[in-house]
């Protein structure tokens, strides 16, 4: 399911715990997805990108300074998301349309 913004734009991405790992994932997404937005709600972070959002494991690890195992570590800090999610061991991708 995707969140619609405007007449034709679907926003996708994760809702993350406001933890060290959650902030690292959010920062990696913001750095690599033009137009990405972040809503900091205190206890959680909502990251949103038009149509397609991608985060690469090594970008998260650079921000954390330690290993980050996909999909396990992402699933631990992501209670919800918008879009269709595809997880690999090196990246996560949210899309507005099913692959």
C-alpha atoms as a PDB file:
ATOM      1  CA  UNK A   1       0.000   0.000   0.000  1.00  0.00           C
ATOM      2  CA  UNK A   2       1.326   3.474  -0.780  1.00  0.00           C
ATOM      3  CA  UNK A   3       0.544   6.938   0.512  1.00  0.00           C
ATOM      4  CA  UNK A   4      -0.729   9.295  -2.209  1.00  0.00           C
ATOM      5  CA  UNK A   5       0.428  12.893  -2.213  1.00  0.00           C
ATOM      6  CA  UNK A   6      -1.057  15.100  -4.888  1.00  0.00           C
ATOM      7  CA  UNK A   7      -2.959  13.706  -7.870  1.00  0.00           C
ATOM      8  CA  UNK A   8      -0.363  11.255  -9.211  1.00  0.00           C
ATOM      9  CA  UNK A   9       2.512  10.982  -6.734  1.00  0.00           C
ATOM     10  CA  UNK A  10       2.863   7.991  -4.435  1.00  0.00           C
ATOM     11  CA  UNK A  11       5.197   8.422  -1.445  1.00  0.00           C
ATOM     12  CA  UNK A  12       6.926   5.299  -0.155  1.00  0.00           C
ATOM     13  CA  UNK A  13       9.448   4.453   2.537  1.00  0.00           C
ATOM     14  CA  UNK A  14       9.936   3.201   6.072  1.00  0.00           C
ATOM     15  CA  UNK A  15       8.704   4.220   9.479  1.00  0.00           C
ATOM     16  CA  UNK A  16      11.690   3.735  11.798  1.00  0.00           C
ATOM     17  CA  UNK A  17      12.274   3.676  15.527  1.00  0.00           C
ATOM     18  CA  UNK A  18      14.142   6.792  16.676  1.00  0.00           C
ATOM     19  CA  UNK A  19      17.168   4.699  17.677  1.00  0.00           C
ATOM     20  CA  UNK A  20      20.810   4.844  16.596  1.00  0.00           C
ATOM     21  CA  UNK A  21      20.100   2.327  13.825  1.00  0.00           C
ATOM     22  CA  UNK A  22      16.866   4.045  12.792  1.00  0.00           C
ATOM     23  CA  UNK A  23      18.658   7.388  12.470  1.00  0.00           C
ATOM     24  CA  UNK A  24      21.441   5.742  10.437  1.00  0.00           C
ATOM     25  CA  UNK A  25      18.921   4.190   8.020  1.00  0.00           C
ATOM     26  CA  UNK A  26      17.082   7.508   7.674  1.00  0.00           C
ATOM     27  CA  UNK A  27      20.331   9.413   7.032  1.00  0.00           C
ATOM     28  CA  UNK A  28      21.415   6.892   4.387  1.00  0.00           C
ATOM     29  CA  UNK A  29      18.048   7.207   2.622  1.00  0.00           C
ATOM     30  CA  UNK A  30      18.118  11.007   2.709  1.00  0.00           C
ATOM     31  CA  UNK A  31      21.638  11.065   1.263  1.00  0.00           C
ATOM     32  CA  UNK A  32      20.916   8.752  -1.650  1.00  0.00           C
ATOM     33  CA  UNK A  33      17.307   9.533  -2.653  1.00  0.00           C
ATOM     34  CA  UNK A  34      16.717  13.010  -4.144  1.00  0.00           C
ATOM     35  CA  UNK A  35      13.562  14.592  -2.778  1.00  0.00           C
ATOM     36  CA  UNK A  36      13.429  12.327   0.284  1.00  0.00           C
ATOM     37  CA  UNK A  37      11.772  13.868   3.331  1.00  0.00           C
ATOM     38  CA  UNK A  38      11.999  13.073   7.020  1.00  0.00           C
ATOM     39  CA  UNK A  39       9.309  13.583   9.657  1.00  0.00           C
ATOM     40  CA  UNK A  40      10.799  13.283  13.143  1.00  0.00           C
ATOM     41  CA  UNK A  41       7.930  12.414  15.489  1.00  0.00           C
ATOM     42  CA  UNK A  42      10.094  11.914  18.567  1.00  0.00           C
ATOM     43  CA  UNK A  43       9.542   8.188  19.087  1.00  0.00           C
ATOM     44  CA  UNK A  44       9.668   7.379  15.379  1.00  0.00           C
ATOM     45  CA  UNK A  45      10.937   8.688  12.053  1.00  0.00           C
ATOM     46  CA  UNK A  46       8.889   8.621   8.862  1.00  0.00           C
ATOM     47  CA  UNK A  47      11.016   8.677   5.706  1.00  0.00           C
ATOM     48  CA  UNK A  48       9.200   9.373   2.463  1.00  0.00           C
ATOM     49  CA  UNK A  49      10.278   9.378  -1.186  1.00  0.00           C
ATOM     50  CA  UNK A  50       8.236   9.765  -4.371  1.00  0.00           C
ATOM     51  CA  UNK A  51       7.591   6.411  -6.085  1.00  0.00           C
ATOM     52  CA  UNK A  52      10.862   4.573  -5.219  1.00  0.00           C
ATOM     53  CA  UNK A  53      13.124   4.551  -2.160  1.00  0.00           C
ATOM     54  CA  UNK A  54      16.383   2.588  -1.938  1.00  0.00           C
ATOM     55  CA  UNK A  55      18.883   2.168   0.865  1.00  0.00           C
ATOM     56  CA  UNK A  56      22.150   0.249   0.567  1.00  0.00           C
ATOM     57  CA  UNK A  57      23.571  -1.699   3.496  1.00  0.00           C
ATOM     58  CA  UNK A  58      27.094  -0.254   3.197  1.00  0.00           C
ATOM     59  CA  UNK A  59      25.695   3.314   3.428  1.00  0.00           C
ATOM     60  CA  UNK A  60      23.957   2.420   6.694  1.00  0.00           C
ATOM     61  CA  UNK A  61      27.116   0.730   8.003  1.00  0.00           C
ATOM     62  CA  UNK A  62      29.197   3.828   7.205  1.00  0.00           C
ATOM     63  CA  UNK A  63      26.889   5.927   9.362  1.00  0.00           C
ATOM     64  CA  UNK A  64      26.724   3.376  12.181  1.00  0.00           C
ATOM     65  CA  UNK A  65      30.401   2.465  12.203  1.00  0.00           C
ATOM     66  CA  UNK A  66      29.514  -1.216  12.497  1.00  0.00           C
ATOM     67  CA  UNK A  67      27.856  -4.073  10.640  1.00  0.00           C
ATOM     68  CA  UNK A  68      24.156  -3.848   9.744  1.00  0.00           C
ATOM     69  CA  UNK A  69      22.590  -7.124   8.633  1.00  0.00           C
ATOM     70  CA  UNK A  70      19.767  -6.965   6.105  1.00  0.00           C
ATOM     71  CA  UNK A  71      16.971  -7.841   6.381  1.00  0.00           C
ATOM     72  CA  UNK A  72      17.188  -8.679  10.109  1.00  0.00           C
ATOM     73  CA  UNK A  73      18.471  -5.377  11.511  1.00  0.00           C
ATOM     74  CA  UNK A  74      16.101  -3.313   9.380  1.00  0.00           C
ATOM     75  CA  UNK A  75      13.107  -5.400  10.462  1.00  0.00           C
ATOM     76  CA  UNK A  76      14.046  -4.764  14.118  1.00  0.00           C
ATOM     77  CA  UNK A  77      13.778  -0.960  13.741  1.00  0.00           C
ATOM     78  CA  UNK A  78      11.024  -0.697  11.100  1.00  0.00           C
ATOM     79  CA  UNK A  79       7.562  -1.224  12.608  1.00  0.00           C
ATOM     80  CA  UNK A  80       5.792  -0.045   9.442  1.00  0.00           C
ATOM     81  CA  UNK A  81       6.303   1.197   5.890  1.00  0.00           C
ATOM     82  CA  UNK A  82       4.467   2.526   2.852  1.00  0.00           C
ATOM     83  CA  UNK A  83       4.759   0.801  -0.515  1.00  0.00           C
ATOM     84  CA  UNK A  84       5.876  -2.604  -1.691  1.00  0.00           C
ATOM     85  CA  UNK A  85       9.075  -3.724   0.031  1.00  0.00           C
ATOM     86  CA  UNK A  86      11.835  -5.807  -1.517  1.00  0.00           C
ATOM     87  CA  UNK A  87      14.662  -6.917   0.786  1.00  0.00           C
ATOM     88  CA  UNK A  88      18.050  -8.275  -0.243  1.00  0.00           C
ATOM     89  CA  UNK A  89      21.189  -8.858   1.800  1.00  0.00           C
ATOM     90  CA  UNK A  90      22.790  -5.693   0.365  1.00  0.00           C
ATOM     91  CA  UNK A  91      19.815  -3.295  -0.023  1.00  0.00           C
ATOM     92  CA  UNK A  92      16.166  -2.542   0.687  1.00  0.00           C
ATOM     93  CA  UNK A  93      13.784  -1.016  -1.835  1.00  0.00           C
ATOM     94  CA  UNK A  94      10.276   0.389  -1.402  1.00  0.00           C
ATOM     95  CA  UNK A  95       8.177   0.951  -4.561  1.00  0.00           C
ATOM     96  CA  UNK A  96       4.810   2.455  -5.229  1.00  0.00           C
ATOM     97  CA  UNK A  97       3.917  -0.393  -7.598  1.00  0.00           C
ATOM     98  CA  UNK A  98       4.328  -4.133  -7.168  1.00  0.00           C
ATOM     99  CA  UNK A  99       7.418  -5.455  -9.008  1.00  0.00           C
END
